[in-house]
Amino acid sequence: MSSAVFVLLVLAGLSEAAGRILPLVSRRPGMSRAFVAGLLLPGGLVEAAVFALWPLTAWTLARLVLSAPPQGGLAWTPDLVAPLLLAAVLAFPLLGPLLHLLLFMGVGAGLAGALAAATGVGWWSAAGCVAVSGVGLGVAVEAVRRLVVRISATEAPEPIA
């Protein structure tokens, strides 16, 4: 992975995390900036890691589909990852999850084209691999996110007097 792709993935991850965290901050104006930054940085790195895993999981699924697995791999390129930088703007709930979904569908279509070219499978098969891997990663991250919220929201037990 080139340094430009790494920087773009980190910025896209921070962008996605900002789109998820900033609406929460706007509803709770008393939150400190340090706390928000403490949420934003790890959230951005997790989102960047998920974005980085997307082509790898799609490649793995494509290898399972093919009878003769291709050699090599699929990796992000700057032109494929650049649209993910819009994620923060489109992740805001007021602008709508539909726009956010359309962005990811566009990025996934670009990734499917690259996967189809790299593996020799048809575009629709590659799009299926990209979609299944994207949904799987999204569900996994959402499950972890909800688990963290549930664990951090538990109240401390009352002292026994």
N, C-alpha and C. Protein backbone atom coordinates (compact mmCIF):
# COMPACT_ATOMS: atom_id res chain seq x y z
N MET A 1 0.85 -1.16 0.00
CA MET A 1 0.00 0.00 0.00
C MET A 1 0.90 1.23 0.00
N SER A 2 0.63 2.12 -0.92
CA SER A 2 1.45 3.33 -1.02
C SER A 2 1.10 4.29 0.10
N SER A 3 1.99 5.23 0.33
CA SER A 3 1.74 6.21 1.40
C SER A 3 0.55 7.11 1.06
N ALA A 4 0.34 7.41 -0.22
CA ALA A 4 -0.81 8.23 -0.61
C ALA A 4 -2.12 7.51 -0.30
N VAL A 5 -2.18 6.21 -0.59
CA VAL A 5 -3.38 5.43 -0.29
C VAL A 5 -3.58 5.34 1.22
N PHE A 6 -2.51 5.15 1.96
CA PHE A 6 -2.61 5.09 3.42
C PHE A 6 -3.17 6.39 3.98
N VAL A 7 -2.66 7.51 3.52
CA VAL A 7 -3.14 8.82 3.99
C VAL A 7 -4.61 9.01 3.61
N LEU A 8 -4.98 8.64 2.38
CA LEU A 8 -6.37 8.77 1.96
C LEU A 8 -7.29 7.87 2.78
N LEU A 9 -6.85 6.66 3.11
CA LEU A 9 -7.67 5.77 3.94
C LEU A 9 -7.84 6.33 5.35
N VAL A 10 -6.78 6.87 5.93
CA VAL A 10 -6.89 7.46 7.27
C VAL A 10 -7.81 8.67 7.24
N LEU A 11 -7.67 9.53 6.22
CA LEU A 11 -8.56 10.69 6.11
C LEU A 11 -10.01 10.26 5.89
N ALA A 12 -10.21 9.23 5.08
CA ALA A 12 -11.58 8.73 4.87
C ALA A 12 -12.14 8.14 6.15
N GLY A 13 -11.31 7.45 6.92
CA GLY A 13 -11.76 6.91 8.20
C GLY A 13 -12.12 8.02 9.18
N LEU A 14 -11.29 9.06 9.25
CA LEU A 14 -11.60 10.20 10.11
C LEU A 14 -12.86 10.91 9.63
N SER A 15 -13.03 10.98 8.33
CA SER A 15 -14.21 11.59 7.75
C SER A 15 -15.46 10.82 8.14
N GLU A 16 -15.41 9.52 8.03
CA GLU A 16 -16.55 8.68 8.40
C GLU A 16 -16.85 8.79 9.89
N ALA A 17 -15.79 8.75 10.71
CA ALA A 17 -15.99 8.87 12.16
C ALA A 17 -16.57 10.23 12.52
N ALA A 18 -16.10 11.29 11.86
CA ALA A 18 -16.65 12.62 12.13
C ALA A 18 -18.13 12.69 11.77
N GLY A 19 -18.49 12.04 10.70
CA GLY A 19 -19.90 12.02 10.31
C GLY A 19 -20.78 11.27 11.29
N ARG A 20 -20.19 10.35 12.02
CA ARG A 20 -20.97 9.61 13.02
C ARG A 20 -20.95 10.30 14.39
N ILE A 21 -19.84 10.96 14.72
CA ILE A 21 -19.68 11.53 16.06
C ILE A 21 -20.24 12.95 16.16
N LEU A 22 -20.05 13.77 15.14
CA LEU A 22 -20.46 15.17 15.23
C LEU A 22 -21.96 15.37 15.46
N PRO A 23 -22.85 14.56 14.89
CA PRO A 23 -24.27 14.72 15.24
C PRO A 23 -24.54 14.45 16.72
N LEU A 24 -23.80 13.53 17.30
CA LEU A 24 -23.95 13.27 18.73
C LEU A 24 -23.48 14.46 19.56
N VAL A 25 -22.39 15.08 19.12
CA VAL A 25 -21.86 16.25 19.83
C VAL A 25 -22.83 17.42 19.74
N SER A 26 -23.47 17.57 18.60
CA SER A 26 -24.40 18.69 18.45
C SER A 26 -25.62 18.54 19.35
N ARG A 27 -25.97 17.31 19.69
CA ARG A 27 -27.10 17.09 20.60
C ARG A 27 -26.71 17.26 22.06
N ARG A 28 -25.43 17.16 22.35
CA ARG A 28 -24.93 17.32 23.72
C ARG A 28 -23.87 18.41 23.74
N PRO A 29 -24.28 19.67 23.86
CA PRO A 29 -23.31 20.77 23.74
C PRO A 29 -22.29 20.84 24.88
N GLY A 30 -22.46 20.13 25.96
CA GLY A 30 -21.54 20.21 27.08
C GLY A 30 -20.33 19.31 26.96
N MET A 31 -20.18 18.59 25.86
CA MET A 31 -19.05 17.67 25.71
C MET A 31 -17.77 18.45 25.48
N SER A 32 -16.69 18.01 26.12
CA SER A 32 -15.41 18.71 25.97
C SER A 32 -14.76 18.35 24.63
N ARG A 33 -13.92 19.24 24.18
CA ARG A 33 -13.22 19.00 22.91
C ARG A 33 -12.26 17.82 23.01
N ALA A 34 -11.66 17.66 24.18
CA ALA A 34 -10.73 16.55 24.37
C ALA A 34 -11.48 15.22 24.29
N PHE A 35 -12.68 15.17 24.83
CA PHE A 35 -13.47 13.94 24.77
C PHE A 35 -13.87 13.63 23.34
N VAL A 36 -14.26 14.66 22.59
CA VAL A 36 -14.64 14.46 21.19
C VAL A 36 -13.44 13.99 20.38
N ALA A 37 -12.28 14.60 20.62
CA ALA A 37 -11.07 14.16 19.92
C ALA A 37 -10.71 12.73 20.32
N GLY A 38 -10.96 12.40 21.59
CA GLY A 38 -10.71 11.04 22.06
C GLY A 38 -11.63 10.02 21.40
N LEU A 39 -12.82 10.44 21.00
CA LEU A 39 -13.72 9.57 20.26
C LEU A 39 -13.35 9.52 18.79
N LEU A 40 -12.96 10.67 18.25
CA LEU A 40 -12.74 10.80 16.81
C LEU A 40 -11.53 10.01 16.32
N LEU A 41 -10.42 10.09 17.04
CA LEU A 41 -9.20 9.45 16.57
C LEU A 41 -9.31 7.92 16.53
N PRO A 42 -9.71 7.25 17.63
CA PRO A 42 -9.84 5.79 17.52
C PRO A 42 -10.93 5.37 16.54
N GLY A 43 -12.04 6.13 16.52
CA GLY A 43 -13.11 5.81 15.57
C GLY A 43 -12.63 5.92 14.14
N GLY A 44 -11.84 6.96 13.86
CA GLY A 44 -11.30 7.14 12.52
C GLY A 44 -10.34 6.04 12.12
N LEU A 45 -9.53 5.60 13.06
CA LEU A 45 -8.59 4.52 12.76
C LEU A 45 -9.31 3.19 12.54
N VAL A 46 -10.37 2.96 13.30
CA VAL A 46 -11.16 1.73 13.09
C VAL A 46 -11.83 1.77 11.71
N GLU A 47 -12.43 2.90 11.37
CA GLU A 47 -13.07 3.03 10.06
C GLU A 47 -12.05 2.88 8.94
N ALA A 48 -10.86 3.45 9.11
CA ALA A 48 -9.81 3.31 8.09
C ALA A 48 -9.39 1.85 7.94
N ALA A 49 -9.30 1.12 9.05
CA ALA A 49 -8.95 -0.30 8.98
C ALA A 49 -10.03 -1.09 8.25
N VAL A 50 -11.29 -0.75 8.49
CA VAL A 50 -12.38 -1.44 7.79
C VAL A 50 -12.32 -1.14 6.30
N PHE A 51 -12.08 0.12 5.95
CA PHE A 51 -11.94 0.47 4.53
C PHE A 51 -10.78 -0.28 3.91
N ALA A 52 -9.67 -0.41 4.64
CA ALA A 52 -8.50 -1.11 4.10
C ALA A 52 -8.77 -2.60 3.91
N LEU A 53 -9.64 -3.17 4.75
CA LEU A 53 -9.95 -4.60 4.66
C LEU A 53 -10.95 -4.93 3.56
N TRP A 54 -11.67 -3.95 3.07
CA TRP A 54 -12.72 -4.19 2.09
C TRP A 54 -12.20 -4.90 0.84
N PRO A 55 -11.13 -4.40 0.17
CA PRO A 55 -10.66 -5.13 -1.03
C PRO A 55 -10.11 -6.52 -0.70
N LEU A 56 -9.50 -6.66 0.47
CA LEU A 56 -8.94 -7.95 0.86
C LEU A 56 -10.05 -8.99 1.04
N THR A 57 -11.13 -8.60 1.71
CA THR A 57 -12.22 -9.56 1.89
C THR A 57 -12.93 -9.86 0.57
N ALA A 58 -13.06 -8.86 -0.29
CA ALA A 58 -13.66 -9.10 -1.60
C ALA A 58 -12.79 -10.04 -2.42
N TRP A 59 -11.48 -9.86 -2.37
CA TRP A 59 -10.54 -10.74 -3.08
C TRP A 59 -10.65 -12.17 -2.55
N THR A 60 -10.74 -12.31 -1.24
CA THR A 60 -10.86 -13.62 -0.62
C THR A 60 -12.15 -14.31 -1.06
N LEU A 61 -13.25 -13.58 -1.09
CA LEU A 61 -14.51 -14.16 -1.56
C LEU A 61 -14.42 -14.56 -3.03
N ALA A 62 -13.77 -13.74 -3.85
CA ALA A 62 -13.62 -14.07 -5.27
C ALA A 62 -12.77 -15.33 -5.44
N ARG A 63 -11.77 -15.50 -4.60
CA ARG A 63 -10.95 -16.71 -4.67
C ARG A 63 -11.76 -17.94 -4.31
N LEU A 64 -12.72 -17.79 -3.40
CA LEU A 64 -13.58 -18.92 -3.04
C LEU A 64 -14.54 -19.28 -4.16
N VAL A 65 -14.94 -18.28 -4.94
CA VAL A 65 -15.89 -18.51 -6.03
C VAL A 65 -15.23 -19.18 -7.22
N LEU A 66 -13.99 -18.82 -7.50
CA LEU A 66 -13.29 -19.34 -8.68
C LEU A 66 -12.78 -20.76 -8.45
N SER A 67 -12.79 -21.55 -9.51
CA SER A 67 -12.25 -22.91 -9.39
C SER A 67 -10.72 -22.88 -9.38
N ALA A 68 -10.12 -21.99 -10.16
CA ALA A 68 -8.67 -21.82 -10.16
C ALA A 68 -8.36 -20.43 -9.62
N PRO A 69 -7.98 -20.33 -8.34
CA PRO A 69 -7.77 -19.02 -7.74
C PRO A 69 -6.65 -18.25 -8.45
N PRO A 70 -6.88 -16.97 -8.72
CA PRO A 70 -5.85 -16.17 -9.37
C PRO A 70 -4.74 -15.81 -8.39
N GLN A 71 -3.59 -15.51 -8.92
CA GLN A 71 -2.46 -15.06 -8.12
C GLN A 71 -2.50 -13.55 -7.99
N GLY A 72 -1.84 -13.04 -6.98
CA GLY A 72 -1.80 -11.59 -6.79
C GLY A 72 -2.81 -11.16 -5.76
N GLY A 73 -3.35 -9.98 -5.94
CA GLY A 73 -4.31 -9.46 -4.99
C GLY A 73 -4.95 -8.19 -5.52
N LEU A 74 -5.85 -7.68 -4.73
CA LEU A 74 -6.55 -6.45 -5.06
C LEU A 74 -6.22 -5.44 -3.99
N ALA A 75 -5.87 -4.24 -4.40
CA ALA A 75 -5.50 -3.20 -3.44
C ALA A 75 -6.14 -1.89 -3.84
N TRP A 76 -6.29 -1.03 -2.86
CA TRP A 76 -6.80 0.30 -3.12
C TRP A 76 -5.80 1.09 -3.96
N THR A 77 -6.32 1.91 -4.82
CA THR A 77 -5.52 2.89 -5.54
C THR A 77 -6.07 4.25 -5.17
N PRO A 78 -5.29 5.32 -5.33
CA PRO A 78 -5.80 6.64 -4.94
C PRO A 78 -7.11 7.02 -5.62
N ASP A 79 -7.28 6.65 -6.88
CA ASP A 79 -8.53 7.02 -7.56
C ASP A 79 -9.72 6.20 -7.07
N LEU A 80 -9.50 5.00 -6.55
CA LEU A 80 -10.60 4.20 -6.00
C LEU A 80 -11.00 4.66 -4.60
N VAL A 81 -10.02 5.11 -3.80
CA VAL A 81 -10.30 5.45 -2.40
C VAL A 81 -10.70 6.92 -2.22
N ALA A 82 -10.38 7.77 -3.17
CA ALA A 82 -10.67 9.20 -3.02
C ALA A 82 -12.14 9.52 -2.77
N PRO A 83 -13.11 8.86 -3.40
CA PRO A 83 -14.51 9.20 -3.10
C PRO A 83 -14.93 8.93 -1.66
N LEU A 84 -14.18 8.11 -0.94
CA LEU A 84 -14.53 7.84 0.45
C LEU A 84 -14.34 9.07 1.34
N LEU A 85 -13.59 10.06 0.86
CA LEU A 85 -13.39 11.27 1.64
C LEU A 85 -14.69 12.06 1.81
N LEU A 86 -15.69 11.79 0.99
CA LEU A 86 -16.99 12.46 1.12
C LEU A 86 -17.84 11.83 2.22
N ALA A 87 -17.34 10.79 2.84
CA ALA A 87 -18.16 10.02 3.78
C ALA A 87 -18.69 10.86 4.93
N ALA A 88 -17.91 11.81 5.46
CA ALA A 88 -18.39 12.61 6.59
C ALA A 88 -19.58 13.45 6.20
N VAL A 89 -19.51 14.08 5.06
CA VAL A 89 -20.61 14.93 4.62
C VAL A 89 -21.87 14.11 4.44
N LEU A 90 -21.73 12.94 3.87
CA LEU A 90 -22.89 12.13 3.57
C LEU A 90 -23.33 11.24 4.73
N ALA A 91 -22.51 11.17 5.78
CA ALA A 91 -22.89 10.34 6.92
C ALA A 91 -23.79 11.10 7.89
N PHE A 92 -23.88 12.43 7.76
CA PHE A 92 -24.74 13.18 8.66
C PHE A 92 -26.18 12.72 8.49
N PRO A 93 -26.86 12.46 9.58
CA PRO A 93 -28.24 11.97 9.49
C PRO A 93 -29.18 12.93 8.77
N LEU A 94 -28.93 14.23 8.87
CA LEU A 94 -29.83 15.18 8.22
C LEU A 94 -29.75 15.09 6.69
N LEU A 95 -28.58 14.72 6.16
CA LEU A 95 -28.45 14.60 4.72
C LEU A 95 -28.94 13.25 4.22
N GLY A 96 -29.01 12.30 5.12
CA GLY A 96 -29.66 11.05 4.78
C GLY A 96 -28.75 9.88 4.54
N PRO A 97 -29.15 8.76 5.07
CA PRO A 97 -28.40 7.52 4.85
C PRO A 97 -28.44 7.06 3.39
N LEU A 98 -29.45 7.50 2.64
CA LEU A 98 -29.53 7.09 1.24
C LEU A 98 -28.34 7.64 0.44
N LEU A 99 -27.97 8.90 0.68
CA LEU A 99 -26.80 9.45 -0.01
C LEU A 99 -25.53 8.73 0.41
N HIS A 100 -25.44 8.39 1.67
CA HIS A 100 -24.29 7.65 2.18
C HIS A 100 -24.20 6.28 1.50
N LEU A 101 -25.32 5.61 1.38
CA LEU A 101 -25.37 4.32 0.71
C LEU A 101 -24.99 4.45 -0.77
N LEU A 102 -25.47 5.50 -1.42
CA LEU A 102 -25.12 5.70 -2.83
C LEU A 102 -23.63 5.92 -3.02
N LEU A 103 -23.01 6.64 -2.08
CA LEU A 103 -21.56 6.84 -2.15
C LEU A 103 -20.85 5.49 -2.07
N PHE A 104 -21.23 4.67 -1.11
CA PHE A 104 -20.57 3.38 -0.98
C PHE A 104 -20.86 2.46 -2.15
N MET A 105 -22.02 2.59 -2.74
CA MET A 105 -22.31 1.80 -3.94
C MET A 105 -21.42 2.24 -5.09
N GLY A 106 -21.17 3.53 -5.23
CA GLY A 106 -20.27 4.02 -6.26
C GLY A 106 -18.85 3.56 -6.05
N VAL A 107 -18.37 3.63 -4.82
CA VAL A 107 -17.03 3.14 -4.50
C VAL A 107 -16.96 1.64 -4.73
N GLY A 108 -18.00 0.93 -4.32
CA GLY A 108 -18.04 -0.52 -4.53
C GLY A 108 -18.06 -0.90 -6.01
N ALA A 109 -18.74 -0.10 -6.83
CA ALA A 109 -18.75 -0.37 -8.28
C ALA A 109 -17.35 -0.22 -8.86
N GLY A 110 -16.63 0.80 -8.42
CA GLY A 110 -15.24 0.96 -8.87
C GLY A 110 -14.37 -0.20 -8.42
N LEU A 111 -14.58 -0.63 -7.18
CA LEU A 111 -13.83 -1.75 -6.64
C LEU A 111 -14.19 -3.05 -7.36
N ALA A 112 -15.46 -3.20 -7.73
CA ALA A 112 -15.90 -4.39 -8.46
C ALA A 112 -15.26 -4.44 -9.84
N GLY A 113 -15.14 -3.29 -10.49
CA GLY A 113 -14.46 -3.26 -11.79
C GLY A 113 -13.01 -3.68 -11.68
N ALA A 114 -12.33 -3.19 -10.64
CA ALA A 114 -10.94 -3.58 -10.43
C ALA A 114 -10.82 -5.06 -10.08
N LEU A 115 -11.75 -5.57 -9.29
CA LEU A 115 -11.73 -6.99 -8.93
C LEU A 115 -12.01 -7.87 -10.15
N ALA A 116 -12.95 -7.46 -10.98
CA ALA A 116 -13.26 -8.23 -12.19
C ALA A 116 -12.05 -8.27 -13.12
N ALA A 117 -11.36 -7.14 -13.25
CA ALA A 117 -10.18 -7.11 -14.12
C ALA A 117 -9.04 -7.95 -13.55
N ALA A 118 -8.90 -7.96 -12.23
CA ALA A 118 -7.79 -8.68 -11.61
C ALA A 118 -8.02 -10.19 -11.57
N THR A 119 -9.27 -10.61 -11.46
CA THR A 119 -9.54 -12.04 -11.30
C THR A 119 -10.06 -12.72 -12.56
N GLY A 120 -10.64 -11.95 -13.45
CA GLY A 120 -11.21 -12.54 -14.65
C GLY A 120 -12.64 -13.01 -14.49
N VAL A 121 -13.25 -12.76 -13.33
CA VAL A 121 -14.66 -13.11 -13.16
C VAL A 121 -15.50 -12.01 -13.80
N GLY A 122 -16.75 -12.28 -14.00
CA GLY A 122 -17.64 -11.28 -14.56
C GLY A 122 -17.86 -10.13 -13.58
N TRP A 123 -18.31 -9.00 -14.12
CA TRP A 123 -18.49 -7.83 -13.27
C TRP A 123 -19.54 -8.08 -12.21
N TRP A 124 -20.62 -8.77 -12.55
CA TRP A 124 -21.68 -9.02 -11.58
C TRP A 124 -21.21 -9.93 -10.45
N SER A 125 -20.41 -10.92 -10.77
CA SER A 125 -19.85 -11.78 -9.72
C SER A 125 -18.92 -10.98 -8.81
N ALA A 126 -18.09 -10.14 -9.43
CA ALA A 126 -17.20 -9.29 -8.64
C ALA A 126 -17.99 -8.31 -7.79
N ALA A 127 -19.07 -7.76 -8.35
CA ALA A 127 -19.91 -6.84 -7.57
C ALA A 127 -20.56 -7.57 -6.40
N GLY A 128 -20.95 -8.81 -6.60
CA GLY A 128 -21.50 -9.60 -5.50
C GLY A 128 -20.48 -9.83 -4.40
N CYS A 129 -19.25 -10.13 -4.78
CA CYS A 129 -18.18 -10.33 -3.78
C CYS A 129 -17.91 -9.04 -3.02
N VAL A 130 -17.87 -7.92 -3.73
CA VAL A 130 -17.64 -6.63 -3.09
C VAL A 130 -18.80 -6.29 -2.17
N ALA A 131 -20.03 -6.54 -2.61
CA ALA A 131 -21.20 -6.21 -1.79
C ALA A 131 -21.26 -7.08 -0.54
N VAL A 132 -21.04 -8.37 -0.69
CA VAL A 132 -21.09 -9.26 0.47
C VAL A 132 -19.98 -8.90 1.47
N SER A 133 -18.79 -8.61 0.97
CA SER A 133 -17.70 -8.25 1.89
C SER A 133 -17.97 -6.91 2.56
N GLY A 134 -18.51 -5.95 1.82
CA GLY A 134 -18.82 -4.64 2.41
C GLY A 134 -19.91 -4.73 3.46
N VAL A 135 -20.95 -5.48 3.17
CA VAL A 135 -22.04 -5.64 4.14
C VAL A 135 -21.53 -6.42 5.36
N GLY A 136 -20.74 -7.44 5.14
CA GLY A 136 -20.20 -8.22 6.25
C GLY A 136 -19.33 -7.38 7.17
N LEU A 137 -18.45 -6.57 6.58
CA LEU A 137 -17.61 -5.69 7.38
C LEU A 137 -18.45 -4.64 8.10
N GLY A 138 -19.45 -4.10 7.41
CA GLY A 138 -20.31 -3.09 8.03
C GLY A 138 -21.09 -3.65 9.20
N VAL A 139 -21.61 -4.85 9.06
CA VAL A 139 -22.37 -5.49 10.15
C VAL A 139 -21.44 -5.78 11.32
N ALA A 140 -20.24 -6.26 11.03
CA ALA A 140 -19.29 -6.56 12.10
C ALA A 140 -18.91 -5.31 12.88
N VAL A 141 -18.64 -4.22 12.18
CA VAL A 141 -18.27 -2.98 12.85
C VAL A 141 -19.44 -2.42 13.64
N GLU A 142 -20.63 -2.50 13.09
CA GLU A 142 -21.81 -2.01 13.82
C GLU A 142 -22.06 -2.83 15.07
N ALA A 143 -21.84 -4.13 15.00
CA ALA A 143 -22.01 -4.98 16.18
C ALA A 143 -20.99 -4.61 17.26
N VAL A 144 -19.76 -4.40 16.86
CA VAL A 144 -18.73 -3.99 17.83
C VAL A 144 -19.06 -2.62 18.39
N ARG A 145 -19.50 -1.70 17.55
CA ARG A 145 -19.86 -0.35 18.00
C ARG A 145 -20.97 -0.41 19.04
N ARG A 146 -22.00 -1.19 18.80
CA ARG A 146 -23.11 -1.32 19.75
C ARG A 146 -22.67 -1.99 21.04
N LEU A 147 -21.77 -2.97 20.93
CA LEU A 147 -21.26 -3.62 22.11
C LEU A 147 -20.46 -2.65 22.98
N VAL A 148 -19.63 -1.84 22.35
CA VAL A 148 -18.85 -0.84 23.09
C VAL A 148 -19.78 0.16 23.76
N VAL A 149 -20.82 0.61 23.07
CA VAL A 149 -21.77 1.54 23.67
C VAL A 149 -22.49 0.89 24.84
N ARG A 150 -22.88 -0.34 24.67
CA ARG A 150 -23.59 -1.04 25.75
C ARG A 150 -22.68 -1.22 26.97
N ILE A 151 -21.42 -1.59 26.75
CA ILE A 151 -20.49 -1.78 27.85
C ILE A 151 -20.18 -0.46 28.54
N SER A 152 -19.96 0.60 27.75
CA SER A 152 -19.60 1.88 28.34
C SER A 152 -20.79 2.59 28.98
N ALA A 153 -22.01 2.19 28.65
CA ALA A 153 -23.19 2.85 29.19
C ALA A 153 -23.71 2.18 30.45
N THR A 154 -23.12 1.08 30.85
CA THR A 154 -23.59 0.43 32.07
C THR A 154 -23.27 1.29 33.27
N GLU A 155 -24.21 1.36 34.15
CA GLU A 155 -24.03 2.17 35.35
C GLU A 155 -23.24 1.39 36.38
N ALA A 156 -22.49 2.13 37.20
CA ALA A 156 -21.76 1.50 38.28
C ALA A 156 -22.74 1.02 39.34
N PRO A 157 -22.49 -0.12 39.93
CA PRO A 157 -23.42 -0.61 40.96
C PRO A 157 -23.40 0.30 42.19
N GLU A 158 -24.54 0.39 42.83
CA GLU A 158 -24.64 1.23 44.02
C GLU A 158 -23.90 0.56 45.16
N PRO A 159 -23.23 1.36 45.98
CA PRO A 159 -22.51 0.77 47.11
C PRO A 159 -23.48 0.19 48.15
N ILE A 160 -23.07 -0.89 48.71
CA ILE A 160 -23.89 -1.53 49.75
C ILE A 160 -23.58 -0.86 51.08
N ALA A 161 -24.62 -0.38 51.74
CA ALA A 161 -24.40 0.34 52.99
C ALA A 161 -24.64 -0.52 54.19
